[in-house]
Amino acid sequence: MPRAGLSRPLLTARAAEIADENGWDQLTLAAVAGAVGVRQPSLYKHVESLAALRRDVSVAGARDLADALTSAAVGRSGPAALGAMADAYRDYARRFPGRYAASVVAPAPGDEEHERIAARVIEVIGAVLAEFGLAGDDVIHAIRALRSMLHGFVAIESAGGFAMPQDLEESYRRMVDGFAATLAHG
């Protein structure tokens, strides 16, 4: 019989918090069990495996990221929308590092829910980039470039890799503005 109060959504939420606190690679069933005050075998009444729990955190992370990007872009266009969306991306990665790491995990083939949620992230970014006159494969290439650029920046930033004395915010802004200018003149 499942323990009262435990549910898959509750375990997913706690797993997401653990991933944020300890790192995505440190998410274990033992850590989740300890956080909710049960023995690890009790979790199997609610979730089949660590892989299933990680999948749920990935879906939740991608959903939250898509929501943040959408909220940032709404009511804006062109460089303003791109800048606001990039800021929301960076902010999400900073505030929720474990969920962010989970959000970039590709869905397993045939996982329709995860594919649908991951596609929302791509659709939001694509809609903003399409305002620069991109179409077809050019949109996909620009999405990949923007995600890689932002992911690289937040990864280096979170690892403390930007130790030089120059203003980090200035570097970030120049990167985003430069990408927008490239698209505008491309």
Foldseek 3Di string as FASTA:
>chain_A
DQDPPDALVVLLVQLQVCCQVPNLVPRALCVSCVVVVHHSVSCCVHAPHPVRSLLSLLLVLLQVLLVQLVVQQPPHAALSSLVSSLVSLLVSCVNRVRSNVSPPDDDDPPPVSSNVSNVSNLVSQLVRLCSLVDDDVRSVVLSVVSVVVSVVLSVCVVVVNPPDPPDPVVVVVCVSVVSSVVSNVD
